[in-house]
Amino acid sequence: MNTTKDYPKTILHTLGGRKVVRIRKTLVVKSGDDLRVHKGPTLRFIKENTTIPVPDVHDIRWKDGKVVELVMDYIPGKQLNKA
């Protein structure tokens, strides 16, 4: 069983300057300087219009006109870089 003390925990870190940090049992924050502006809206569109399993996007955080963080559901499974 996970407790509050288990978070934040980095669960993925890429060389491209992006990382995903699990902040709660059910939430992660994806951050980095090179997040694409369309990522959040695209995930929301897929969620609303298809049956493809994607995380709910709860917040899109901006700084200086750029997306710097996406707060979204944690979905357990195999990481793409290990699939």
PDB file of N, CA and C in Angstrom:
ATOM      1  N   MET A   1       0.845  -1.190   0.000  1.00  0.00           N
ATOM      2  CA  MET A   1       0.000   0.000   0.000  1.00  0.00           C
ATOM      3  C   MET A   1       0.879   1.238   0.000  1.00  0.00           C
ATOM      4  N   ASN A   2       0.570   2.179  -0.881  1.00  0.00           N
ATOM      5  CA  ASN A   2       1.341   3.416  -0.964  1.00  0.00           C
ATOM      6  C   ASN A   2       0.847   4.421   0.060  1.00  0.00           C
ATOM      7  N   THR A   3       1.781   5.138   0.631  1.00  0.00           N
ATOM      8  CA  THR A   3       1.443   6.182   1.585  1.00  0.00           C
ATOM      9  C   THR A   3       1.931   7.512   1.054  1.00  0.00           C
ATOM     10  N   THR A   4       1.513   8.583   1.694  1.00  0.00           N
ATOM     11  CA  THR A   4       1.913   9.920   1.268  1.00  0.00           C
ATOM     12  C   THR A   4       3.423  10.070   1.239  1.00  0.00           C
ATOM     13  N   LYS A   5       4.131   9.397   2.147  1.00  0.00           N
ATOM     14  CA  LYS A   5       5.580   9.560   2.195  1.00  0.00           C
ATOM     15  C   LYS A   5       6.278   8.971   0.970  1.00  0.00           C
ATOM     16  N   ASP A   6       5.573   8.167   0.176  1.00  0.00           N
ATOM     17  CA  ASP A   6       6.159   7.602  -1.034  1.00  0.00           C
ATOM     18  C   ASP A   6       6.255   8.611  -2.174  1.00  0.00           C
ATOM     19  N   TYR A   7       5.677   9.769  -2.034  1.00  0.00           N
ATOM     20  CA  TYR A   7       5.611  10.743  -3.121  1.00  0.00           C
ATOM     21  C   TYR A   7       6.195  12.060  -2.673  1.00  0.00           C
ATOM     22  N   PRO A   8       6.759  12.918  -3.499  1.00  0.00           N
ATOM     23  CA  PRO A   8       6.937  12.711  -4.930  1.00  0.00           C
ATOM     24  C   PRO A   8       8.038  11.692  -5.215  1.00  0.00           C
ATOM     25  N   LYS A   9       7.868  10.977  -6.292  1.00  0.00           N
ATOM     26  CA  LYS A   9       8.803   9.941  -6.706  1.00  0.00           C
ATOM     27  C   LYS A   9       8.943  10.038  -8.217  1.00  0.00           C
ATOM     28  N   THR A  10      10.149  10.231  -8.712  1.00  0.00           N
ATOM     29  CA  THR A  10      10.350  10.277 -10.146  1.00  0.00           C
ATOM     30  C   THR A  10      10.189   8.872 -10.696  1.00  0.00           C
ATOM     31  N   ILE A  11       9.301   8.727 -11.665  1.00  0.00           N
ATOM     32  CA  ILE A  11       9.082   7.399 -12.220  1.00  0.00           C
ATOM     33  C   ILE A  11       9.639   7.272 -13.632  1.00  0.00           C
ATOM     34  N   LEU A  12       9.973   8.382 -14.256  1.00  0.00           N
ATOM     35  CA  LEU A  12      10.570   8.340 -15.584  1.00  0.00           C
ATOM     36  C   LEU A  12      11.367   9.610 -15.783  1.00  0.00           C
ATOM     37  N   HIS A  13      12.557   9.456 -16.280  1.00  0.00           N
ATOM     38  CA  HIS A  13      13.378  10.626 -16.590  1.00  0.00           C
ATOM     39  C   HIS A  13      14.024  10.372 -17.930  1.00  0.00           C
ATOM     40  N   THR A  14      13.846  11.283 -18.872  1.00  0.00           N
ATOM     41  CA  THR A  14      14.414  11.094 -20.196  1.00  0.00           C
ATOM     42  C   THR A  14      15.560  12.056 -20.414  1.00  0.00           C
ATOM     43  N   LEU A  15      16.369  11.746 -21.373  1.00  0.00           N
ATOM     44  CA  LEU A  15      17.505  12.601 -21.703  1.00  0.00           C
ATOM     45  C   LEU A  15      17.081  13.891 -22.377  1.00  0.00           C
ATOM     46  N   GLY A  16      15.861  13.926 -22.892  1.00  0.00           N
ATOM     47  CA  GLY A  16      15.366  15.105 -23.585  1.00  0.00           C
ATOM     48  C   GLY A  16      14.962  16.234 -22.661  1.00  0.00           C
ATOM     49  N   GLY A  17      15.245  16.120 -21.382  1.00  0.00           N
ATOM     50  CA  GLY A  17      14.905  17.176 -20.447  1.00  0.00           C
ATOM     51  C   GLY A  17      13.507  17.075 -19.878  1.00  0.00           C
ATOM     52  N   ARG A  18      12.790  16.001 -20.200  1.00  0.00           N
ATOM     53  CA  ARG A  18      11.453  15.803 -19.655  1.00  0.00           C
ATOM     54  C   ARG A  18      11.499  14.779 -18.539  1.00  0.00           C
ATOM     55  N   LYS A  19      10.576  14.941 -17.589  1.00  0.00           N
ATOM     56  CA  LYS A  19      10.451  13.922 -16.555  1.00  0.00           C
ATOM     57  C   LYS A  19       9.003  13.807 -16.127  1.00  0.00           C
ATOM     58  N   VAL A  20       8.684  12.653 -15.590  1.00  0.00           N
ATOM     59  CA  VAL A  20       7.360  12.399 -15.045  1.00  0.00           C
ATOM     60  C   VAL A  20       7.535  12.076 -13.577  1.00  0.00           C
ATOM     61  N   VAL A  21       6.863  12.842 -12.720  1.00  0.00           N
ATOM     62  CA  VAL A  21       6.961  12.663 -11.274  1.00  0.00           C
ATOM     63  C   VAL A  21       5.587  12.285 -10.739  1.00  0.00           C
ATOM     64  N   ARG A  22       5.546  11.191 -10.026  1.00  0.00           N
ATOM     65  CA  ARG A  22       4.295  10.762  -9.400  1.00  0.00           C
ATOM     66  C   ARG A  22       4.128  11.549  -8.112  1.00  0.00           C
ATOM     67  N   ILE A  23       3.046  12.327  -8.041  1.00  0.00           N
ATOM     68  CA  ILE A  23       2.845  13.195  -6.876  1.00  0.00           C
ATOM     69  C   ILE A  23       1.792  12.657  -5.918  1.00  0.00           C
ATOM     70  N   ARG A  24       0.975  11.750  -6.384  1.00  0.00           N
ATOM     71  CA  ARG A  24      -0.027  11.054  -5.566  1.00  0.00           C
ATOM     72  C   ARG A  24      -0.190   9.662  -6.137  1.00  0.00           C
ATOM     73  N   LYS A  25      -0.954   8.849  -5.451  1.00  0.00           N
ATOM     74  CA  LYS A  25      -1.178   7.493  -5.934  1.00  0.00           C
ATOM     75  C   LYS A  25      -1.770   7.496  -7.340  1.00  0.00           C
ATOM     76  N   THR A  26      -2.596   8.485  -7.646  1.00  0.00           N
ATOM     77  CA  THR A  26      -3.307   8.508  -8.921  1.00  0.00           C
ATOM     78  C   THR A  26      -2.914   9.654  -9.842  1.00  0.00           C
ATOM     79  N   LEU A  27      -1.911  10.474  -9.478  1.00  0.00           N
ATOM     80  CA  LEU A  27      -1.541  11.635 -10.297  1.00  0.00           C
ATOM     81  C   LEU A  27      -0.047  11.695 -10.582  1.00  0.00           C
ATOM     82  N   VAL A  28       0.274  12.180 -11.786  1.00  0.00           N
ATOM     83  CA  VAL A  28       1.657  12.456 -12.155  1.00  0.00           C
ATOM     84  C   VAL A  28       1.742  13.859 -12.738  1.00  0.00           C
ATOM     85  N   VAL A  29       2.952  14.416 -12.718  1.00  0.00           N
ATOM     86  CA  VAL A  29       3.229  15.687 -13.378  1.00  0.00           C
ATOM     87  C   VAL A  29       4.325  15.429 -14.402  1.00  0.00           C
ATOM     88  N   LYS A  30       4.021  15.705 -15.650  1.00  0.00           N
ATOM     89  CA  LYS A  30       5.016  15.622 -16.711  1.00  0.00           C
ATOM     90  C   LYS A  30       5.537  17.033 -16.920  1.00  0.00           C
ATOM     91  N   SER A  31       6.856  17.197 -16.898  1.00  0.00           N
ATOM     92  CA  SER A  31       7.425  18.537 -17.027  1.00  0.00           C
ATOM     93  C   SER A  31       8.638  18.511 -17.942  1.00  0.00           C
ATOM     94  N   GLY A  32       8.991  19.699 -18.404  1.00  0.00           N
ATOM     95  CA  GLY A  32      10.155  19.840 -19.256  1.00  0.00           C
ATOM     96  C   GLY A  32      10.039  21.074 -20.117  1.00  0.00           C
ATOM     97  N   ASP A  33      11.181  21.491 -20.648  1.00  0.00           N
ATOM     98  CA  ASP A  33      11.223  22.701 -21.465  1.00  0.00           C
ATOM     99  C   ASP A  33      10.662  22.499 -22.863  1.00  0.00           C
ATOM    100  N   ASP A  34      10.560  21.245 -23.303  1.00  0.00           N
ATOM    101  CA  ASP A  34      10.164  20.997 -24.685  1.00  0.00           C
ATOM    102  C   ASP A  34       8.806  20.309 -24.821  1.00  0.00           C
ATOM    103  N   LEU A  35       7.912  20.503 -23.836  1.00  0.00           N
ATOM    104  CA  LEU A  35       6.573  19.925 -23.963  1.00  0.00           C
ATOM    105  C   LEU A  35       5.829  20.638 -25.084  1.00  0.00           C
ATOM    106  N   ARG A  36       5.166  19.876 -25.880  1.00  0.00           N
ATOM    107  CA  ARG A  36       4.436  20.461 -27.008  1.00  0.00           C
ATOM    108  C   ARG A  36       3.107  21.064 -26.536  1.00  0.00           C
ATOM    109  N   VAL A  37       2.766  22.206 -27.097  1.00  0.00           N
ATOM    110  CA  VAL A  37       1.578  22.942 -26.690  1.00  0.00           C
ATOM    111  C   VAL A  37       0.297  22.144 -26.959  1.00  0.00           C
ATOM    112  N   HIS A  38       0.304  21.257 -27.932  1.00  0.00           N
ATOM    113  CA  HIS A  38      -0.892  20.498 -28.300  1.00  0.00           C
ATOM    114  C   HIS A  38      -1.065  19.205 -27.511  1.00  0.00           C
ATOM    115  N   LYS A  39      -0.101  18.810 -26.677  1.00  0.00           N
ATOM    116  CA  LYS A  39      -0.152  17.522 -25.968  1.00  0.00           C
ATOM    117  C   LYS A  39      -1.408  17.385 -25.094  1.00  0.00           C
ATOM    118  N   GLY A  40      -1.667  18.352 -24.226  1.00  0.00           N
ATOM    119  CA  GLY A  40      -2.831  18.296 -23.340  1.00  0.00           C
ATOM    120  C   GLY A  40      -4.145  18.263 -24.102  1.00  0.00           C
ATOM    121  N   PRO A  41      -4.376  19.211 -25.011  1.00  0.00           N
ATOM    122  CA  PRO A  41      -5.616  19.179 -25.787  1.00  0.00           C
ATOM    123  C   PRO A  41      -5.779  17.906 -26.620  1.00  0.00           C
ATOM    124  N   THR A  42      -4.685  17.368 -27.133  1.00  0.00           N
ATOM    125  CA  THR A  42      -4.764  16.126 -27.912  1.00  0.00           C
ATOM    126  C   THR A  42      -5.202  14.962 -27.032  1.00  0.00           C
ATOM    127  N   LEU A  43      -4.623  14.839 -25.833  1.00  0.00           N
ATOM    128  CA  LEU A  43      -5.038  13.776 -24.913  1.00  0.00           C
ATOM    129  C   LEU A  43      -6.507  13.921 -24.541  1.00  0.00           C
ATOM    130  N   ARG A  44      -6.951  15.144 -24.310  1.00  0.00           N
ATOM    131  CA  ARG A  44      -8.364  15.368 -23.980  1.00  0.00           C
ATOM    132  C   ARG A  44      -9.274  14.970 -25.145  1.00  0.00           C
ATOM    133  N   PHE A  45      -8.877  15.310 -26.369  1.00  0.00           N
ATOM    134  CA  PHE A  45      -9.663  14.952 -27.544  1.00  0.00           C
ATOM    135  C   PHE A  45      -9.762  13.435 -27.686  1.00  0.00           C
ATOM    136  N   ILE A  46      -8.633  12.749 -27.542  1.00  0.00           N
ATOM    137  CA  ILE A  46      -8.628  11.286 -27.655  1.00  0.00           C
ATOM    138  C   ILE A  46      -9.533  10.670 -26.598  1.00  0.00           C
ATOM    139  N   LYS A  47      -9.446  11.165 -25.368  1.00  0.00           N
ATOM    140  CA  LYS A  47     -10.254  10.644 -24.263  1.00  0.00           C
ATOM    141  C   LYS A  47     -11.747  10.804 -24.544  1.00  0.00           C
ATOM    142  N   GLU A  48     -12.130  11.967 -25.086  1.00  0.00           N
ATOM    143  CA  GLU A  48     -13.540  12.272 -25.306  1.00  0.00           C
ATOM    144  C   GLU A  48     -14.127  11.641 -26.569  1.00  0.00           C
ATOM    145  N   ASN A  49     -13.279  11.273 -27.536  1.00  0.00           N
ATOM    146  CA  ASN A  49     -13.786  10.851 -28.836  1.00  0.00           C
ATOM    147  C   ASN A  49     -13.399   9.447 -29.274  1.00  0.00           C
ATOM    148  N   THR A  50     -12.657   8.722 -28.442  1.00  0.00           N
ATOM    149  CA  THR A  50     -12.254   7.367 -28.800  1.00  0.00           C
ATOM    150  C   THR A  50     -12.344   6.469 -27.566  1.00  0.00           C
ATOM    151  N   THR A  51     -12.001   5.213 -27.762  1.00  0.00           N
ATOM    152  CA  THR A  51     -11.923   4.273 -26.638  1.00  0.00           C
ATOM    153  C   THR A  51     -10.467   3.957 -26.292  1.00  0.00           C
ATOM    154  N   ILE A  52      -9.541   4.700 -26.877  1.00  0.00           N
ATOM    155  CA  ILE A  52      -8.115   4.510 -26.586  1.00  0.00           C
ATOM    156  C   ILE A  52      -7.857   4.948 -25.142  1.00  0.00           C
ATOM    157  N   PRO A  53      -7.226   4.088 -24.339  1.00  0.00           N
ATOM    158  CA  PRO A  53      -6.974   4.478 -22.944  1.00  0.00           C
ATOM    159  C   PRO A  53      -5.848   5.505 -22.841  1.00  0.00           C
ATOM    160  N   VAL A  54      -6.204   6.692 -22.435  1.00  0.00           N
ATOM    161  CA  VAL A  54      -5.236   7.765 -22.196  1.00  0.00           C
ATOM    162  C   VAL A  54      -5.560   8.405 -20.849  1.00  0.00           C
ATOM    163  N   PRO A  55      -4.582   9.048 -20.228  1.00  0.00           N
ATOM    164  CA  PRO A  55      -4.849   9.672 -18.931  1.00  0.00           C
ATOM    165  C   PRO A  55      -5.721  10.915 -19.060  1.00  0.00           C
ATOM    166  N   ASP A  56      -6.517  11.176 -18.030  1.00  0.00           N
ATOM    167  CA  ASP A  56      -7.222  12.454 -17.945  1.00  0.00           C
ATOM    168  C   ASP A  56      -6.201  13.533 -17.661  1.00  0.00           C
ATOM    169  N   VAL A  57      -6.295  14.655 -18.362  1.00  0.00           N
ATOM    170  CA  VAL A  57      -5.426  15.803 -18.113  1.00  0.00           C
ATOM    171  C   VAL A  57      -6.180  16.736 -17.174  1.00  0.00           C
ATOM    172  N   HIS A  58      -5.625  16.953 -15.990  1.00  0.00           N
ATOM    173  CA  HIS A  58      -6.293  17.772 -14.979  1.00  0.00           C
ATOM    174  C   HIS A  58      -5.866  19.230 -15.019  1.00  0.00           C
ATOM    175  N   ASP A  59      -4.640  19.486 -15.478  1.00  0.00           N
ATOM    176  CA  ASP A  59      -4.160  20.872 -15.507  1.00  0.00           C
ATOM    177  C   ASP A  59      -3.041  20.977 -16.530  1.00  0.00           C
ATOM    178  N   ILE A  60      -2.998  22.108 -17.209  1.00  0.00           N
ATOM    179  CA  ILE A  60      -1.911  22.445 -18.120  1.00  0.00           C
ATOM    180  C   ILE A  60      -1.300  23.723 -17.582  1.00  0.00           C
ATOM    181  N   ARG A  61      -0.035  23.667 -17.206  1.00  0.00           N
ATOM    182  CA  ARG A  61       0.636  24.817 -16.594  1.00  0.00           C
ATOM    183  C   ARG A  61       1.572  25.474 -17.603  1.00  0.00           C
ATOM    184  N   TRP A  62       1.466  26.801 -17.653  1.00  0.00           N
ATOM    185  CA  TRP A  62       2.206  27.599 -18.626  1.00  0.00           C
ATOM    186  C   TRP A  62       3.211  28.505 -17.924  1.00  0.00           C
ATOM    187  N   LYS A  63       4.289  28.832 -18.640  1.00  0.00           N
ATOM    188  CA  LYS A  63       5.253  29.835 -18.177  1.00  0.00           C
ATOM    189  C   LYS A  63       5.854  30.488 -19.411  1.00  0.00           C
ATOM    190  N   ASP A  64       5.792  31.804 -19.460  1.00  0.00           N
ATOM    191  CA  ASP A  64       6.355  32.568 -20.575  1.00  0.00           C
ATOM    192  C   ASP A  64       5.849  32.079 -21.932  1.00  0.00           C
ATOM    193  N   GLY A  65       4.537  31.756 -21.997  1.00  0.00           N
ATOM    194  CA  GLY A  65       3.932  31.353 -23.252  1.00  0.00           C
ATOM    195  C   GLY A  65       4.209  29.920 -23.676  1.00  0.00           C
ATOM    196  N   LYS A  66       4.829  29.115 -22.803  1.00  0.00           N
ATOM    197  CA  LYS A  66       5.134  27.725 -23.126  1.00  0.00           C
ATOM    198  C   LYS A  66       4.504  26.799 -22.093  1.00  0.00           C
ATOM    199  N   VAL A  67       4.095  25.615 -22.550  1.00  0.00           N
ATOM    200  CA  VAL A  67       3.617  24.591 -21.619  1.00  0.00           C
ATOM    201  C   VAL A  67       4.831  24.026 -20.900  1.00  0.00           C
ATOM    202  N   VAL A  68       4.783  24.043 -19.564  1.00  0.00           N
ATOM    203  CA  VAL A  68       5.908  23.524 -18.783  1.00  0.00           C
ATOM    204  C   VAL A  68       5.531  22.313 -17.953  1.00  0.00           C
ATOM    205  N   GLU A  69       4.232  22.097 -17.691  1.00  0.00           N
ATOM    206  CA  GLU A  69       3.799  20.942 -16.919  1.00  0.00           C
ATOM    207  C   GLU A  69       2.401  20.494 -17.333  1.00  0.00           C
ATOM    208  N   LEU A  70       2.209  19.190 -17.304  1.00  0.00           N
ATOM    209  CA  LEU A  70       0.891  18.597 -17.474  1.00  0.00           C
ATOM    210  C   LEU A  70       0.612  17.759 -16.237  1.00  0.00           C
ATOM    211  N   VAL A  71      -0.513  18.009 -15.586  1.00  0.00           N
ATOM    212  CA  VAL A  71      -0.933  17.190 -14.450  1.00  0.00           C
ATOM    213  C   VAL A  71      -1.974  16.225 -14.985  1.00  0.00           C
ATOM    214  N   MET A  72      -1.690  14.929 -14.831  1.00  0.00           N
ATOM    215  CA  MET A  72      -2.597  13.938 -15.395  1.00  0.00           C
ATOM    216  C   MET A  72      -2.640  12.676 -14.550  1.00  0.00           C
ATOM    217  N   ASP A  73      -3.607  11.818 -14.880  1.00  0.00           N
ATOM    218  CA  ASP A  73      -3.757  10.562 -14.163  1.00  0.00           C
ATOM    219  C   ASP A  73      -2.525   9.690 -14.346  1.00  0.00           C
ATOM    220  N   TYR A  74      -2.209   8.933 -13.310  1.00  0.00           N
ATOM    221  CA  TYR A  74      -1.204   7.879 -13.408  1.00  0.00           C
ATOM    222  C   TYR A  74      -1.917   6.637 -13.916  1.00  0.00           C
ATOM    223  N   ILE A  75      -1.395   6.066 -14.974  1.00  0.00           N
ATOM    224  CA  ILE A  75      -1.949   4.830 -15.514  1.00  0.00           C
ATOM    225  C   ILE A  75      -0.854   3.773 -15.430  1.00  0.00           C
ATOM    226  N   PRO A  76      -1.075   2.733 -14.628  1.00  0.00           N
ATOM    227  CA  PRO A  76      -0.047   1.699 -14.526  1.00  0.00           C
ATOM    228  C   PRO A  76       0.110   0.935 -15.831  1.00  0.00           C
ATOM    229  N   GLY A  77       1.304   0.483 -16.082  1.00  0.00           N
ATOM    230  CA  GLY A  77       1.574  -0.301 -17.285  1.00  0.00           C
ATOM    231  C   GLY A  77       3.040  -0.233 -17.639  1.00  0.00           C
ATOM    232  N   LYS A  78       3.377  -0.789 -18.775  1.00  0.00           N
ATOM    233  CA  LYS A  78       4.757  -0.809 -19.258  1.00  0.00           C
ATOM    234  C   LYS A  78       5.088   0.538 -19.890  1.00  0.00           C
ATOM    235  N   GLN A  79       6.250   1.083 -19.540  1.00  0.00           N
ATOM    236  CA  GLN A  79       6.695   2.340 -20.134  1.00  0.00           C
ATOM    237  C   GLN A  79       7.023   2.111 -21.601  1.00  0.00           C
ATOM    238  N   LEU A  80       6.723   3.099 -22.436  1.00  0.00           N
ATOM    239  CA  LEU A  80       6.936   2.940 -23.877  1.00  0.00           C
ATOM    240  C   LEU A  80       8.379   2.625 -24.223  1.00  0.00           C
ATOM    241  N   ASN A  81       9.326   3.219 -23.483  1.00  0.00           N
ATOM    242  CA  ASN A  81      10.734   2.970 -23.799  1.00  0.00           C
ATOM    243  C   ASN A  81      11.167   1.557 -23.401  1.00  0.00           C
ATOM    244  N   LYS A  82      10.292   0.816 -22.706  1.00  0.00           N
ATOM    245  CA  LYS A  82      10.599  -0.558 -22.330  1.00  0.00           C
ATOM    246  C   LYS A  82       9.685  -1.566 -23.033  1.00  0.00           C
ATOM    247  N   ALA A  83       8.779  -1.060 -23.858  1.00  0.00           N
ATOM    248  CA  ALA A  83       7.835  -1.956 -24.559  1.00  0.00           C
ATOM    249  C   ALA A  83       8.466  -2.525 -25.824  1.00  0.00           C
TER     250      ALA A  83
END
